[in-house]
């Protein structure tokens, strides 16, 4: 989707957003009462549009790629907990 096709509500510095380490999401309050959210993996992929799941508003996240937290290591099948039969 190009910038001409989407309406951006605001531009927000990533420092003004809250990072949820458990979910690996950044979020920011939306005027509708919910929160804009964007995944760390999306930011690493240089996606910069955070969306609100409750309304149609979107914000552009202003950030430097090198300032993002490092994602948690991906687990391979040998480190997974076995499922009880």
PDB file of N, CA and C in Angstrom:
ATOM      1  N   UNK A   1       0.851  -1.177   0.000  1.00  0.00           N
ATOM      2  CA  UNK A   1       0.000   0.000   0.000  1.00  0.00           C
ATOM      3  C   UNK A   1       0.898   1.243   0.000  1.00  0.00           C
ATOM      4  N   UNK A   2       0.670   2.135  -0.913  1.00  0.00           N
ATOM      5  CA  UNK A   2       1.504   3.333  -0.973  1.00  0.00           C
ATOM      6  C   UNK A   2       0.988   4.404  -0.023  1.00  0.00           C
ATOM      7  N   UNK A   3       1.855   5.377   0.268  1.00  0.00           N
ATOM      8  CA  UNK A   3       1.485   6.452   1.187  1.00  0.00           C
ATOM      9  C   UNK A   3       0.282   7.237   0.688  1.00  0.00           C
ATOM     10  N   UNK A   4       0.083   7.302  -0.625  1.00  0.00           N
ATOM     11  CA  UNK A   4      -1.042   8.056  -1.172  1.00  0.00           C
ATOM     12  C   UNK A   4      -2.379   7.365  -0.892  1.00  0.00           C
ATOM     13  N   UNK A   5      -2.354   6.063  -0.642  1.00  0.00           N
ATOM     14  CA  UNK A   5      -3.582   5.296  -0.458  1.00  0.00           C
ATOM     15  C   UNK A   5      -4.053   5.246   0.988  1.00  0.00           C
ATOM     16  N   UNK A   6      -3.220   5.631   1.931  1.00  0.00           N
ATOM     17  CA  UNK A   6      -3.605   5.539   3.331  1.00  0.00           C
ATOM     18  C   UNK A   6      -3.603   6.915   3.984  1.00  0.00           C
ATOM     19  N   UNK A   7      -4.521   7.099   4.904  1.00  0.00           N
ATOM     20  CA  UNK A   7      -4.604   8.359   5.643  1.00  0.00           C
ATOM     21  C   UNK A   7      -3.962   8.161   7.009  1.00  0.00           C
ATOM     22  N   UNK A   8      -2.921   8.923   7.267  1.00  0.00           N
ATOM     23  CA  UNK A   8      -2.201   8.818   8.536  1.00  0.00           C
ATOM     24  C   UNK A   8      -2.769   9.834   9.516  1.00  0.00           C
ATOM     25  N   UNK A   9      -3.164   9.367  10.696  1.00  0.00           N
ATOM     26  CA  UNK A   9      -3.709  10.247  11.735  1.00  0.00           C
ATOM     27  C   UNK A   9      -2.631  11.147  12.325  1.00  0.00           C
ATOM     28  N   UNK A  10      -1.439  10.574  12.572  1.00  0.00           N
ATOM     29  CA  UNK A  10      -0.368  11.340  13.204  1.00  0.00           C
ATOM     30  C   UNK A  10       0.954  10.609  12.985  1.00  0.00           C
ATOM     31  N   UNK A  11       2.056  11.300  13.266  1.00  0.00           N
ATOM     32  CA  UNK A  11       3.377  10.683  13.278  1.00  0.00           C
ATOM     33  C   UNK A  11       3.877  10.714  14.713  1.00  0.00           C
ATOM     34  N   UNK A  12       4.314   9.559  15.215  1.00  0.00           N
ATOM     35  CA  UNK A  12       4.693   9.412  16.615  1.00  0.00           C
ATOM     36  C   UNK A  12       6.117   8.877  16.700  1.00  0.00           C
ATOM     37  N   UNK A  13       6.930   9.530  17.532  1.00  0.00           N
ATOM     38  CA  UNK A  13       8.285   9.036  17.789  1.00  0.00           C
ATOM     39  C   UNK A  13       8.180   7.746  18.605  1.00  0.00           C
ATOM     40  N   UNK A  14       9.014   6.781  18.275  1.00  0.00           N
ATOM     41  CA  UNK A  14       8.960   5.497  18.966  1.00  0.00           C
ATOM     42  C   UNK A  14       9.233   5.647  20.459  1.00  0.00           C
ATOM     43  N   UNK A  15       9.991   6.683  20.838  1.00  0.00           N
ATOM     44  CA  UNK A  15      10.274   6.924  22.257  1.00  0.00           C
ATOM     45  C   UNK A  15       9.006   7.263  23.034  1.00  0.00           C
ATOM     46  N   UNK A  16       7.963   7.723  22.344  1.00  0.00           N
ATOM     47  CA  UNK A  16       6.695   8.065  22.999  1.00  0.00           C
ATOM     48  C   UNK A  16       5.759   6.868  23.099  1.00  0.00           C
ATOM     49  N   UNK A  17       6.152   5.739  22.523  1.00  0.00           N
ATOM     50  CA  UNK A  17       5.335   4.533  22.560  1.00  0.00           C
ATOM     51  C   UNK A  17       5.790   3.641  23.710  1.00  0.00           C
ATOM     52  N   UNK A  18       4.948   2.696  24.091  1.00  0.00           N
ATOM     53  CA  UNK A  18       5.265   1.736  25.146  1.00  0.00           C
ATOM     54  C   UNK A  18       5.573   0.390  24.502  1.00  0.00           C
ATOM     55  N   UNK A  19       6.663  -0.255  24.948  1.00  0.00           N
ATOM     56  CA  UNK A  19       7.048  -1.559  24.399  1.00  0.00           C
ATOM     57  C   UNK A  19       6.636  -2.660  25.356  1.00  0.00           C
ATOM     58  N   UNK A  20       5.904  -3.634  24.845  1.00  0.00           N
ATOM     59  CA  UNK A  20       5.495  -4.813  25.611  1.00  0.00           C
ATOM     60  C   UNK A  20       6.458  -5.942  25.252  1.00  0.00           C
ATOM     61  N   UNK A  21       7.390  -6.250  26.171  1.00  0.00           N
ATOM     62  CA  UNK A  21       8.405  -7.272  25.884  1.00  0.00           C
ATOM     63  C   UNK A  21       7.796  -8.651  25.680  1.00  0.00           C
ATOM     64  N   UNK A  22       6.737  -8.966  26.413  1.00  0.00           N
ATOM     65  CA  UNK A  22       6.120 -10.287  26.295  1.00  0.00           C
ATOM     66  C   UNK A  22       5.527 -10.494  24.909  1.00  0.00           C
ATOM     67  N   UNK A  23       4.784  -9.506  24.427  1.00  0.00           N
ATOM     68  CA  UNK A  23       4.134  -9.623  23.119  1.00  0.00           C
ATOM     69  C   UNK A  23       4.998  -9.118  21.974  1.00  0.00           C
ATOM     70  N   UNK A  24       6.135  -8.462  22.305  1.00  0.00           N
ATOM     71  CA  UNK A  24       7.015  -7.876  21.292  1.00  0.00           C
ATOM     72  C   UNK A  24       6.265  -6.874  20.420  1.00  0.00           C
ATOM     73  N   UNK A  25       5.464  -6.022  21.092  1.00  0.00           N
ATOM     74  CA  UNK A  25       4.643  -5.005  20.425  1.00  0.00           C
ATOM     75  C   UNK A  25       4.918  -3.640  21.013  1.00  0.00           C
ATOM     76  N   UNK A  26       4.880  -2.631  20.151  1.00  0.00           N
ATOM     77  CA  UNK A  26       4.841  -1.248  20.609  1.00  0.00           C
ATOM     78  C   UNK A  26       3.391  -0.816  20.543  1.00  0.00           C
ATOM     79  N   UNK A  27       2.959  -0.008  21.532  1.00  0.00           N
ATOM     80  CA  UNK A  27       1.607   0.517  21.467  1.00  0.00           C
ATOM     81  C   UNK A  27       1.570   1.960  21.928  1.00  0.00           C
ATOM     82  N   UNK A  28       0.476   2.630  21.526  1.00  0.00           N
ATOM     83  CA  UNK A  28       0.305   4.058  21.782  1.00  0.00           C
ATOM     84  C   UNK A  28      -1.192   4.324  21.862  1.00  0.00           C
ATOM     85  N   UNK A  29      -1.652   5.177  22.806  1.00  0.00           N
ATOM     86  CA  UNK A  29      -3.099   5.406  22.959  1.00  0.00           C
ATOM     87  C   UNK A  29      -3.739   5.977  21.695  1.00  0.00           C
ATOM     88  N   UNK A  30      -4.894   5.458  21.365  1.00  0.00           N
ATOM     89  CA  UNK A  30      -5.692   5.940  20.231  1.00  0.00           C
ATOM     90  C   UNK A  30      -6.822   6.807  20.779  1.00  0.00           C
ATOM     91  N   UNK A  31      -7.253   7.837  20.042  1.00  0.00           N
ATOM     92  CA  UNK A  31      -8.364   8.670  20.504  1.00  0.00           C
ATOM     93  C   UNK A  31      -9.664   7.895  20.743  1.00  0.00           C
ATOM     94  N   UNK A  32      -9.814   6.726  20.119  1.00  0.00           N
ATOM     95  CA  UNK A  32     -11.047   5.947  20.296  1.00  0.00           C
ATOM     96  C   UNK A  32     -11.087   5.234  21.642  1.00  0.00           C
ATOM     97  N   UNK A  33      -9.955   5.210  22.357  1.00  0.00           N
ATOM     98  CA  UNK A  33      -9.908   4.531  23.652  1.00  0.00           C
ATOM     99  C   UNK A  33      -9.112   3.243  23.617  1.00  0.00           C
ATOM    100  N   UNK A  34      -8.846   2.717  22.449  1.00  0.00           N
ATOM    101  CA  UNK A  34      -8.011   1.519  22.313  1.00  0.00           C
ATOM    102  C   UNK A  34      -6.559   1.971  22.138  1.00  0.00           C
ATOM    103  N   UNK A  35      -5.730   1.139  21.514  1.00  0.00           N
ATOM    104  CA  UNK A  35      -4.327   1.494  21.324  1.00  0.00           C
ATOM    105  C   UNK A  35      -3.877   1.129  19.914  1.00  0.00           C
ATOM    106  N   UNK A  36      -3.080   2.027  19.319  1.00  0.00           N
ATOM    107  CA  UNK A  36      -2.375   1.680  18.097  1.00  0.00           C
ATOM    108  C   UNK A  36      -1.345   0.630  18.475  1.00  0.00           C
ATOM    109  N   UNK A  37      -1.042  -0.291  17.565  1.00  0.00           N
ATOM    110  CA  UNK A  37      -0.014  -1.263  17.866  1.00  0.00           C
ATOM    111  C   UNK A  37       0.736  -1.668  16.605  1.00  0.00           C
ATOM    112  N   UNK A  38       2.014  -1.984  16.819  1.00  0.00           N
ATOM    113  CA  UNK A  38       2.859  -2.475  15.731  1.00  0.00           C
ATOM    114  C   UNK A  38       3.869  -3.437  16.337  1.00  0.00           C
ATOM    115  N   UNK A  39       4.083  -4.538  15.652  1.00  0.00           N
ATOM    116  CA  UNK A  39       5.011  -5.566  16.143  1.00  0.00           C
ATOM    117  C   UNK A  39       6.454  -5.160  15.895  1.00  0.00           C
ATOM    118  N   UNK A  40       7.325  -5.561  16.802  1.00  0.00           N
ATOM    119  CA  UNK A  40       8.750  -5.315  16.643  1.00  0.00           C
ATOM    120  C   UNK A  40       9.237  -5.891  15.319  1.00  0.00           C
ATOM    121  N   UNK A  41       8.766  -7.072  14.964  1.00  0.00           N
ATOM    122  CA  UNK A  41       9.192  -7.701  13.705  1.00  0.00           C
ATOM    123  C   UNK A  41       8.807  -6.848  12.494  1.00  0.00           C
ATOM    124  N   UNK A  42       7.657  -6.166  12.558  1.00  0.00           N
ATOM    125  CA  UNK A  42       7.265  -5.277  11.461  1.00  0.00           C
ATOM    126  C   UNK A  42       8.222  -4.094  11.359  1.00  0.00           C
ATOM    127  N   UNK A  43       8.596  -3.532  12.502  1.00  0.00           N
ATOM    128  CA  UNK A  43       9.538  -2.414  12.501  1.00  0.00           C
ATOM    129  C   UNK A  43      10.891  -2.851  11.952  1.00  0.00           C
ATOM    130  N   UNK A  44      11.346  -4.030  12.335  1.00  0.00           N
ATOM    131  CA  UNK A  44      12.615  -4.559  11.836  1.00  0.00           C
ATOM    132  C   UNK A  44      12.550  -4.726  10.320  1.00  0.00           C
ATOM    133  N   UNK A  45      11.364  -5.093   9.813  1.00  0.00           N
ATOM    134  CA  UNK A  45      11.153  -5.217   8.362  1.00  0.00           C
ATOM    135  C   UNK A  45      10.902  -3.861   7.710  1.00  0.00           C
ATOM    136  N   UNK A  46      11.080  -2.797   8.488  1.00  0.00           N
ATOM    137  CA  UNK A  46      10.960  -1.401   8.057  1.00  0.00           C
ATOM    138  C   UNK A  46       9.526  -1.001   7.687  1.00  0.00           C
ATOM    139  N   UNK A  47       8.553  -1.705   8.274  1.00  0.00           N
ATOM    140  CA  UNK A  47       7.163  -1.268   8.195  1.00  0.00           C
ATOM    141  C   UNK A  47       7.007  -0.202   9.272  1.00  0.00           C
ATOM    142  N   UNK A  48       6.340   0.912   8.970  1.00  0.00           N
ATOM    143  CA  UNK A  48       6.256   1.992   9.957  1.00  0.00           C
ATOM    144  C   UNK A  48       4.840   2.456  10.257  1.00  0.00           C
ATOM    145  N   UNK A  49       3.829   1.676   9.870  1.00  0.00           N
ATOM    146  CA  UNK A  49       2.441   2.061  10.113  1.00  0.00           C
ATOM    147  C   UNK A  49       1.856   1.203  11.234  1.00  0.00           C
ATOM    148  N   UNK A  50       1.461   1.865  12.318  1.00  0.00           N
ATOM    149  CA  UNK A  50       0.783   1.189  13.427  1.00  0.00           C
ATOM    150  C   UNK A  50      -0.715   1.405  13.257  1.00  0.00           C
ATOM    151  N   UNK A  51      -1.495   0.385  13.513  1.00  0.00           N
ATOM    152  CA  UNK A  51      -2.939   0.468  13.337  1.00  0.00           C
ATOM    153  C   UNK A  51      -3.651   0.260  14.666  1.00  0.00           C
ATOM    154  N   UNK A  52      -4.838   0.829  14.756  1.00  0.00           N
ATOM    155  CA  UNK A  52      -5.701   0.593  15.903  1.00  0.00           C
ATOM    156  C   UNK A  52      -6.645  -0.544  15.530  1.00  0.00           C
ATOM    157  N   UNK A  53      -6.733  -1.583  16.366  1.00  0.00           N
ATOM    158  CA  UNK A  53      -7.622  -2.701  16.030  1.00  0.00           C
ATOM    159  C   UNK A  53      -9.112  -2.365  16.162  1.00  0.00           C
ATOM    160  N   UNK A  54      -9.453  -1.231  16.797  1.00  0.00           N
ATOM    161  CA  UNK A  54     -10.860  -0.899  17.039  1.00  0.00           C
ATOM    162  C   UNK A  54     -11.441   0.139  16.088  1.00  0.00           C
ATOM    163  N   UNK A  55     -10.570   0.898  15.422  1.00  0.00           N
ATOM    164  CA  UNK A  55     -11.086   1.920  14.504  1.00  0.00           C
ATOM    165  C   UNK A  55     -10.190   1.968  13.272  1.00  0.00           C
ATOM    166  N   UNK A  56     -10.429   2.887  12.386  1.00  0.00           N
ATOM    167  CA  UNK A  56      -9.690   2.920  11.128  1.00  0.00           C
ATOM    168  C   UNK A  56      -8.450   3.799  11.167  1.00  0.00           C
ATOM    169  N   UNK A  57      -8.105   4.366  12.330  1.00  0.00           N
ATOM    170  CA  UNK A  57      -6.959   5.266  12.395  1.00  0.00           C
ATOM    171  C   UNK A  57      -5.632   4.516  12.320  1.00  0.00           C
ATOM    172  N   UNK A  58      -4.640   5.191  11.718  1.00  0.00           N
ATOM    173  CA  UNK A  58      -3.289   4.652  11.611  1.00  0.00           C
ATOM    174  C   UNK A  58      -2.300   5.768  11.924  1.00  0.00           C
ATOM    175  N   UNK A  59      -1.159   5.394  12.489  1.00  0.00           N
ATOM    176  CA  UNK A  59      -0.093   6.370  12.740  1.00  0.00           C
ATOM    177  C   UNK A  59       1.193   5.874  12.086  1.00  0.00           C
ATOM    178  N   UNK A  60       2.043   6.827  11.760  1.00  0.00           N
ATOM    179  CA  UNK A  60       3.377   6.487  11.261  1.00  0.00           C
ATOM    180  C   UNK A  60       4.332   6.549  12.449  1.00  0.00           C
ATOM    181  N   UNK A  61       5.125   5.503  12.620  1.00  0.00           N
ATOM    182  CA  UNK A  61       6.092   5.428  13.713  1.00  0.00           C
ATOM    183  C   UNK A  61       7.445   5.925  13.185  1.00  0.00           C
ATOM    184  N   UNK A  62       7.987   6.914  13.876  1.00  0.00           N
ATOM    185  CA  UNK A  62       9.294   7.454  13.514  1.00  0.00           C
ATOM    186  C   UNK A  62      10.339   6.759  14.374  1.00  0.00           C
ATOM    187  N   UNK A  63      11.301   6.060  13.730  1.00  0.00           N
ATOM    188  CA  UNK A  63      12.289   5.297  14.485  1.00  0.00           C
ATOM    189  C   UNK A  63      13.554   5.108  13.667  1.00  0.00           C
ATOM    190  N   UNK A  64      14.632   4.773  14.367  1.00  0.00           N
ATOM    191  CA  UNK A  64      15.889   4.378  13.743  1.00  0.00           C
ATOM    192  C   UNK A  64      16.045   2.880  13.943  1.00  0.00           C
ATOM    193  N   UNK A  65      16.283   2.173  12.875  1.00  0.00           N
ATOM    194  CA  UNK A  65      16.382   0.715  12.926  1.00  0.00           C
ATOM    195  C   UNK A  65      17.408   0.235  13.952  1.00  0.00           C
ATOM    196  N   UNK A  66      18.541   0.937  14.041  1.00  0.00           N
ATOM    197  CA  UNK A  66      19.593   0.492  14.968  1.00  0.00           C
ATOM    198  C   UNK A  66      19.231   0.708  16.433  1.00  0.00           C
ATOM    199  N   UNK A  67      18.187   1.498  16.719  1.00  0.00           N
ATOM    200  CA  UNK A  67      17.778   1.750  18.103  1.00  0.00           C
ATOM    201  C   UNK A  67      16.738   0.755  18.617  1.00  0.00           C
ATOM    202  N   UNK A  68      16.252  -0.118  17.753  1.00  0.00           N
ATOM    203  CA  UNK A  68      15.226  -1.079  18.177  1.00  0.00           C
ATOM    204  C   UNK A  68      15.833  -2.145  19.074  1.00  0.00           C
ATOM    205  N   UNK A  69      15.031  -2.670  20.030  1.00  0.00           N
ATOM    206  CA  UNK A  69      15.535  -3.785  20.847  1.00  0.00           C
ATOM    207  C   UNK A  69      15.744  -5.013  19.961  1.00  0.00           C
ATOM    208  N   UNK A  70      16.665  -5.852  20.364  1.00  0.00           N
ATOM    209  CA  UNK A  70      16.907  -7.075  19.604  1.00  0.00           C
ATOM    210  C   UNK A  70      15.776  -8.054  19.877  1.00  0.00           C
ATOM    211  N   UNK A  71      15.250  -8.701  18.823  1.00  0.00           N
ATOM    212  CA  UNK A  71      14.177  -9.678  19.052  1.00  0.00           C
ATOM    213  C   UNK A  71      14.698 -10.879  19.829  1.00  0.00           C
ATOM    214  N   UNK A  72      13.810 -11.559  20.552  1.00  0.00           N
ATOM    215  CA  UNK A  72      14.259 -12.735  21.302  1.00  0.00           C
ATOM    216  C   UNK A  72      14.726 -13.811  20.327  1.00  0.00           C
ATOM    217  N   UNK A  73      15.654 -14.668  20.757  1.00  0.00           N
ATOM    218  CA  UNK A  73      16.118 -15.720  19.847  1.00  0.00           C
ATOM    219  C   UNK A  73      14.972 -16.659  19.507  1.00  0.00           C
ATOM    220  N   UNK A  74      14.947 -17.104  18.272  1.00  0.00           N
ATOM    221  CA  UNK A  74      13.904 -18.052  17.876  1.00  0.00           C
ATOM    222  C   UNK A  74      14.279 -19.424  18.397  1.00  0.00           C
ATOM    223  N   UNK A  75      13.284 -20.147  18.865  1.00  0.00           N
ATOM    224  CA  UNK A  75      13.563 -21.471  19.417  1.00  0.00           C
ATOM    225  C   UNK A  75      13.468 -22.502  18.305  1.00  0.00           C
ATOM    226  N   UNK A  76      14.347 -23.490  18.352  1.00  0.00           N
ATOM    227  CA  UNK A  76      14.251 -24.566  17.378  1.00  0.00           C
ATOM    228  C   UNK A  76      13.512 -25.739  18.021  1.00  0.00           C
ATOM    229  N   UNK A  77      13.244 -26.755  17.250  1.00  0.00           N
ATOM    230  CA  UNK A  77      12.431 -27.862  17.749  1.00  0.00           C
ATOM    231  C   UNK A  77      13.098 -28.610  18.898  1.00  0.00           C
ATOM    232  N   UNK A  78      14.432 -28.548  19.018  1.00  0.00           N
ATOM    233  CA  UNK A  78      15.102 -29.282  20.083  1.00  0.00           C
ATOM    234  C   UNK A  78      14.931 -28.614  21.451  1.00  0.00           C
ATOM    235  N   UNK A  79      14.539 -27.327  21.463  1.00  0.00           N
ATOM    236  CA  UNK A  79      14.394 -26.645  22.743  1.00  0.00           C
ATOM    237  C   UNK A  79      12.939 -26.534  23.207  1.00  0.00           C
ATOM    238  N   UNK A  80      12.030 -27.111  22.438  1.00  0.00           N
ATOM    239  CA  UNK A  80      10.623 -27.030  22.829  1.00  0.00           C
ATOM    240  C   UNK A  80      10.307 -28.067  23.894  1.00  0.00           C
ATOM    241  N   UNK A  81       9.362 -27.712  24.744  1.00  0.00           N
ATOM    242  CA  UNK A  81       8.931 -28.625  25.797  1.00  0.00           C
ATOM    243  C   UNK A  81       8.087 -29.719  25.172  1.00  0.00           C
ATOM    244  N   UNK A  82       8.372 -30.975  25.492  1.00  0.00           N
ATOM    245  CA  UNK A  82       7.583 -32.072  24.904  1.00  0.00           C
ATOM    246  C   UNK A  82       6.123 -32.019  25.375  1.00  0.00           C
ATOM    247  N   UNK A  83       5.233 -32.408  24.500  1.00  0.00           N
ATOM    248  CA  UNK A  83       3.801 -32.408  24.806  1.00  0.00           C
ATOM    249  C   UNK A  83       3.462 -33.762  25.435  1.00  0.00           C
ATOM    250  N   UNK A  84       2.729 -33.717  26.556  1.00  0.00           N
ATOM    251  CA  UNK A  84       2.328 -34.952  27.229  1.00  0.00           C
ATOM    252  C   UNK A  84       1.318 -35.710  26.376  1.00  0.00           C
ATOM    253  N   UNK A  85       1.460 -37.029  26.314  1.00  0.00           N
ATOM    254  CA  UNK A  85       0.572 -37.838  25.491  1.00  0.00           C
ATOM    255  C   UNK A  85      -0.714 -38.135  26.204  1.00  0.00           C
TER     256      UNK A  85
END
